[in-house]
Each structure stands twice: as structure tokens, then as C-alpha cells.
C-alpha atoms as a PDB file:
ATOM      1  CA  MET A   1     -39.036 -19.224  -0.812  1.00  0.00           C
ATOM      2  CA  ARG A   2     -39.327 -15.773   0.447  1.00  0.00           C
ATOM      3  CA  PHE A   3     -38.174 -12.862  -1.726  1.00  0.00           C
ATOM      4  CA  SER A   4     -35.204 -11.950   0.809  1.00  0.00           C
ATOM      5  CA  GLN A   5     -34.142 -15.628   0.770  1.00  0.00           C
ATOM      6  CA  ARG A   6     -34.090 -15.691  -3.121  1.00  0.00           C
ATOM      7  CA  ILE A   7     -32.074 -12.438  -3.202  1.00  0.00           C
ATOM      8  CA  LEU A   8     -29.553 -13.846  -0.363  1.00  0.00           C
ATOM      9  CA  VAL A   9     -29.136 -17.076  -2.670  1.00  0.00           C
ATOM     10  CA  ALA A  10     -28.820 -15.092  -5.779  1.00  0.00           C
ATOM     11  CA  ALA A  11     -26.011 -12.922  -4.101  1.00  0.00           C
ATOM     12  CA  LEU A  12     -24.258 -15.964  -2.777  1.00  0.00           C
ATOM     13  CA  ALA A  13     -24.270 -17.807  -6.192  1.00  0.00           C
ATOM     14  CA  ALA A  14     -22.913 -14.577  -7.890  1.00  0.00           C
ATOM     15  CA  ALA A  15     -20.068 -14.170  -5.228  1.00  0.00           C
ATOM     16  CA  THR A  16     -19.205 -18.024  -5.592  1.00  0.00           C
ATOM     17  CA  MET A  17     -19.136 -17.330  -9.597  1.00  0.00           C
ATOM     18  CA  VAL A  18     -16.847 -14.230  -9.090  1.00  0.00           C
ATOM     19  CA  PHE A  19     -14.407 -16.136  -6.756  1.00  0.00           C
ATOM     20  CA  SER A  20     -14.126 -19.117  -8.908  1.00  0.00           C
ATOM     21  CA  VAL A  21     -13.705 -17.446 -12.168  1.00  0.00           C
ATOM     22  CA  ALA A  22     -11.046 -14.963 -11.184  1.00  0.00           C
ATOM     23  CA  PRO A  23      -8.384 -17.591 -10.407  1.00  0.00           C
ATOM     24  CA  ALA A  24      -9.165 -19.347 -13.724  1.00  0.00           C
ATOM     25  CA  MET A  25      -9.076 -16.035 -15.675  1.00  0.00           C
ATOM     26  CA  ALA A  26      -5.818 -14.911 -14.171  1.00  0.00           C
ATOM     27  CA  HIS A  27      -4.270 -18.269 -14.925  1.00  0.00           C
ATOM     28  CA  ILE A  28      -5.281 -17.756 -18.572  1.00  0.00           C
ATOM     29  CA  ASN A  29      -3.985 -14.332 -18.877  1.00  0.00           C
ATOM     30  CA  GLY A  30      -0.671 -15.405 -17.354  1.00  0.00           C
ATOM     31  CA  MET A  31      -1.195 -12.901 -14.384  1.00  0.00           C
ATOM     32  CA  ASN A  32      -0.420 -13.674 -10.689  1.00  0.00           C
ATOM     33  CA  ARG A  33      -3.231 -11.940  -8.881  1.00  0.00           C
ATOM     34  CA  LEU A  34      -2.939 -11.247  -5.175  1.00  0.00           C
ATOM     35  CA  VAL A  35       0.027 -13.219  -4.546  1.00  0.00           C
ATOM     36  CA  PRO A  36       2.409 -12.085  -1.824  1.00  0.00           C
ATOM     37  CA  ASP A  37       5.901 -11.500  -2.859  1.00  0.00           C
ATOM     38  CA  SER A  38       8.553 -13.769  -1.517  1.00  0.00           C
ATOM     39  CA  HIS A  39      11.352 -11.401  -1.104  1.00  0.00           C
ATOM     40  CA  SER A  40      11.848  -9.302   2.007  1.00  0.00           C
ATOM     41  CA  TYR A  41      11.155  -5.577   1.979  1.00  0.00           C
ATOM     42  CA  ALA A  42      11.697  -5.191   5.722  1.00  0.00           C
ATOM     43  CA  GLY A  43      14.209  -2.536   6.756  1.00  0.00           C
ATOM     44  CA  ASN A  44      14.839   1.162   6.417  1.00  0.00           C
ATOM     45  CA  TRP A  45      14.283   2.973   3.073  1.00  0.00           C
ATOM     46  CA  PRO A  46      15.167   6.418   2.040  1.00  0.00           C
ATOM     47  CA  VAL A  47      12.071   7.910   0.267  1.00  0.00           C
ATOM     48  CA  THR A  48      12.294  11.075  -1.753  1.00  0.00           C
ATOM     49  CA  VAL A  49       9.161  13.122  -2.468  1.00  0.00           C
ATOM     50  CA  THR A  50       9.433  15.536  -5.436  1.00  0.00           C
ATOM     51  CA  ASN A  51       6.747  17.607  -7.384  1.00  0.00           C
ATOM     52  CA  SER A  52       4.657  18.065  -4.041  1.00  0.00           C
ATOM     53  CA  GLN A  53       3.217  21.286  -2.753  1.00  0.00           C
ATOM     54  CA  PHE A  54       4.191  20.626   1.008  1.00  0.00           C
ATOM     55  CA  HIS A  55       6.211  17.394   1.222  1.00  0.00           C
ATOM     56  CA  ASN A  56       9.472  17.741  -1.186  1.00  0.00           C
ATOM     57  CA  GLY A  57      12.403  16.179   0.661  1.00  0.00           C
ATOM     58  CA  THR A  58      14.049  12.880   1.682  1.00  0.00           C
ATOM     59  CA  TYR A  59      12.634  10.943   4.471  1.00  0.00           C
ATOM     60  CA  CYS A  60      13.012   7.481   6.150  1.00  0.00           C
ATOM     61  CA  LEU A  61      10.256   4.797   5.796  1.00  0.00           C
ATOM     62  CA  THR A  62      10.733   1.739   8.027  1.00  0.00           C
ATOM     63  CA  LEU A  63       8.845  -1.441   7.138  1.00  0.00           C
ATOM     64  CA  THR A  64       9.139  -4.050   9.801  1.00  0.00           C
ATOM     65  CA  GLY A  65       7.625  -7.540   9.502  1.00  0.00           C
ATOM     66  CA  ASN A  66       7.898 -11.042   7.866  1.00  0.00           C
ATOM     67  CA  GLY A  67       9.132  -9.478   4.472  1.00  0.00           C
ATOM     68  CA  SER A  68       5.973  -8.793   2.427  1.00  0.00           C
ATOM     69  CA  SER A  69       3.718  -7.447   5.121  1.00  0.00           C
ATOM     70  CA  GLY A  70       3.954  -5.772   8.617  1.00  0.00           C
ATOM     71  CA  THR A  71       4.120  -2.529  10.375  1.00  0.00           C
ATOM     72  CA  ALA A  72       5.427   0.582   8.778  1.00  0.00           C
ATOM     73  CA  SER A  73       6.641   4.100  10.010  1.00  0.00           C
ATOM     74  CA  VAL A  74       8.125   7.326   8.601  1.00  0.00           C
ATOM     75  CA  VAL A  75      10.103  10.093   9.840  1.00  0.00           C
ATOM     76  CA  MET A  76       9.238  13.281   8.096  1.00  0.00           C
ATOM     77  CA  ASP A  77      10.522  16.811   8.857  1.00  0.00           C
ATOM     78  CA  GLY A  78      11.728  15.630  12.367  1.00  0.00           C
ATOM     79  CA  GLN A  79       8.434  14.103  13.228  1.00  0.00           C
ATOM     80  CA  LYS A  80       8.087  10.407  13.599  1.00  0.00           C
ATOM     81  CA  TYR A  81       4.635   8.818  12.512  1.00  0.00           C
ATOM     82  CA  PRO A  82       4.910   5.187  13.873  1.00  0.00           C
ATOM     83  CA  ASP A  83       1.550   3.723  13.413  1.00  0.00           C
ATOM     84  CA  GLY A  84       1.242   2.246   9.926  1.00  0.00           C
ATOM     85  CA  THR A  85       1.209  -1.093   7.973  1.00  0.00           C
ATOM     86  CA  PHE A  86       2.412  -2.198   4.565  1.00  0.00           C
ATOM     87  CA  VAL A  87       1.933  -5.080   2.098  1.00  0.00           C
ATOM     88  CA  VAL A  88       3.533  -6.163  -0.984  1.00  0.00           C
ATOM     89  CA  VAL A  89       0.993  -7.950  -3.354  1.00  0.00           C
ATOM     90  CA  SER A  90       1.157  -8.600  -7.018  1.00  0.00           C
ATOM     91  CA  ARG A  91       4.485  -6.800  -7.438  1.00  0.00           C
ATOM     92  CA  LEU A  92       2.982  -3.610  -5.571  1.00  0.00           C
ATOM     93  CA  LEU A  93       3.974  -2.037  -2.377  1.00  0.00           C
ATOM     94  CA  MET A  94       1.534  -0.047  -0.439  1.00  0.00           C
ATOM     95  CA  ALA A  95       2.466   1.410   2.745  1.00  0.00           C
ATOM     96  CA  THR A  96       0.041   3.350   4.993  1.00  0.00           C
ATOM     97  CA  ILE A  97       0.807   5.553   7.914  1.00  0.00           C
ATOM     98  CA  VAL A  98      -1.755   7.319  10.078  1.00  0.00           C
ATOM     99  CA  LYS A  99      -0.926  11.106  10.354  1.00  0.00           C
ATOM    100  CA  PRO A 100      -2.948  12.936  13.101  1.00  0.00           C
ATOM    101  CA  SER A 101      -4.681  15.805  11.458  1.00  0.00           C
ATOM    102  CA  GLY A 102      -6.343  18.045  13.892  1.00  0.00           C
ATOM    103  CA  SER A 103      -9.415  16.332  15.119  1.00  0.00           C
ATOM    104  CA  GLN A 104      -9.419  13.751  12.309  1.00  0.00           C
ATOM    105  CA  ASN A 105      -6.819  11.207  11.391  1.00  0.00           C
ATOM    106  CA  GLY A 106      -4.966  11.536   8.160  1.00  0.00           C
ATOM    107  CA  ALA A 107      -2.722   9.179   6.299  1.00  0.00           C
ATOM    108  CA  LEU A 108       0.459   9.184   4.484  1.00  0.00           C
ATOM    109  CA  THR A 109       0.649   6.756   1.483  1.00  0.00           C
ATOM    110  CA  PHE A 110       3.526   5.262  -0.343  1.00  0.00           C
ATOM    111  CA  THR A 111       2.807   3.192  -3.202  1.00  0.00           C
ATOM    112  CA  ALA A 112       5.300   1.858  -5.830  1.00  0.00           C
ATOM    113  CA  PRO A 113       6.050  -1.269  -7.827  1.00  0.00           C
ATOM    114  CA  ALA A 114       8.056  -3.864  -6.068  1.00  0.00           C
ATOM    115  CA  SER A 115       9.746  -6.966  -7.284  1.00  0.00           C
ATOM    116  CA  HIS A 116      12.762  -9.123  -6.194  1.00  0.00           C
ATOM    117  CA  GLY A 117      13.439  -7.071  -3.155  1.00  0.00           C
ATOM    118  CA  ASN A 118      13.646  -3.931  -5.109  1.00  0.00           C
ATOM    119  CA  ILE A 119      11.239  -0.961  -4.957  1.00  0.00           C
ATOM    120  CA  GLY A 120      10.712   1.313  -7.933  1.00  0.00           C
ATOM    121  CA  GLN A 121       9.430   4.826  -8.498  1.00  0.00           C
ATOM    122  CA  GLY A 122       5.542   5.633  -7.331  1.00  0.00           C
ATOM    123  CA  LEU A 123       3.438   7.752  -5.932  1.00  0.00           C
ATOM    124  CA  PHE A 124       3.083   9.765  -2.460  1.00  0.00           C
ATOM    125  CA  GLU A 125      -0.212  10.888  -0.985  1.00  0.00           C
ATOM    126  CA  ASP A 126      -1.117  12.917   2.091  1.00  0.00           C
ATOM    127  CA  ILE A 127      -4.820  12.400   2.761  1.00  0.00           C
ATOM    128  CA  GLN A 128      -6.576  14.430   5.293  1.00  0.00           C
ATOM    129  CA  GLY A 129     -10.147  14.326   6.142  1.00  0.00           C
ATOM    130  CA  GLY A 130     -10.838  11.482   3.500  1.00  0.00           C
ATOM    131  CA  SER A 131      -9.546  13.721   0.666  1.00  0.00           C
ATOM    132  CA  ASN A 132      -6.309  14.115  -1.165  1.00  0.00           C
ATOM    133  CA  PHE A 133      -4.429  17.044   0.554  1.00  0.00           C
ATOM    134  CA  ASP A 134      -0.926  16.683  -1.298  1.00  0.00           C
ATOM    135  CA  PHE A 135       0.730  14.481  -3.332  1.00  0.00           C
ATOM    136  CA  GLY A 136       3.984  13.858  -5.517  1.00  0.00           C
ATOM    137  CA  ALA A 137       6.348  11.744  -7.228  1.00  0.00           C
ATOM    138  CA  LEU A 138       8.200   9.015  -4.921  1.00  0.00           C
ATOM    139  CA  THR A 139      11.521   7.583  -5.399  1.00  0.00           C
ATOM    140  CA  PHE A 140      13.000   4.767  -3.160  1.00  0.00           C
ATOM    141  CA  GLY A 141      16.522   4.706  -2.364  1.00  0.00           C
ATOM    142  CA  MET A 142      18.736   1.597  -1.505  1.00  0.00           C
ATOM    143  CA  LYS A 143      17.420  -0.615   1.464  1.00  0.00           C
ATOM    144  CA  GLY A 144      19.238   0.269   4.649  1.00  0.00           C
ATOM    145  CA  GLY A 145      20.121   3.652   3.469  1.00  0.00           C
ATOM    146  CA  CYS A 146      18.639   5.735   6.317  1.00  0.00           C
END
């Protein structure tokens, strides 16, 4: 067997071990890894950002989809950013919305624990040019509140 073929076979064997052992370890530890939440998070959520340099305020985050994944948009400071996605996996909500930033795209991220249709406190981040531009504490209001 040629050297490059041996490396490929070894890499595939290692990947197979990782993917077959991970579910067993999750079961042993009583953890549900990468399990979508069965509750619906689709709807309008008021989000309040605090302790931020540029984004303190209350905004409206809209999640649309099958309940645990889909599209996302946000209205901030009178500006609508319509191009985003969200997913809820292993009790964690992650919404990422594209924010045009000069010649590059930036992103607004909303990350918080989510369980049984409720979203807790989390972190807001404004990423520009691949770097953290601004961040703050994030609080979700009641679903349908905006």
C-alpha cells in the first residue's frame, strides 16, 4: 500500500472510532449531545442587550421555521437585518444574522440556553471582519412580545 493510501486508511479508521465512541460516551455520561429540541421556538422574541459598547437596547428577533431550526431576522435601531438562521441543539439556541459591514459581511449572534420552549439569558456578539467588534449580555423576553 502506498504511503498516502495508508494515511487515508488511518484517518478514516480514526474518524470511525470518534463517531462510534462519542454516542456511547454521551450515553454513559447521561448527556444528550446534538439532540434537537422538540419545542417550538419560532416566533417574535424581544431581546435586550446590556453592557455593550454600541448595542444597548431592546430589539425584536424573529425566528421562523420548524420550531428548532430555520431562518432568523432582527430589527435593531430601526434597521431590519433579514438574512439569518437559527438552530436549537442540546438546549442551546444559536441565531446568526448577516450584517453588511462595508466591503465585508459581519454577523450578529444571539446565543442562549433554551429548554421546553423558553430561552434564558445569554450572549450577544457583533462580529465584523472576522473579529469580535462588540458584545454584551443578552436577555430574552416573552415569546410574541414584539
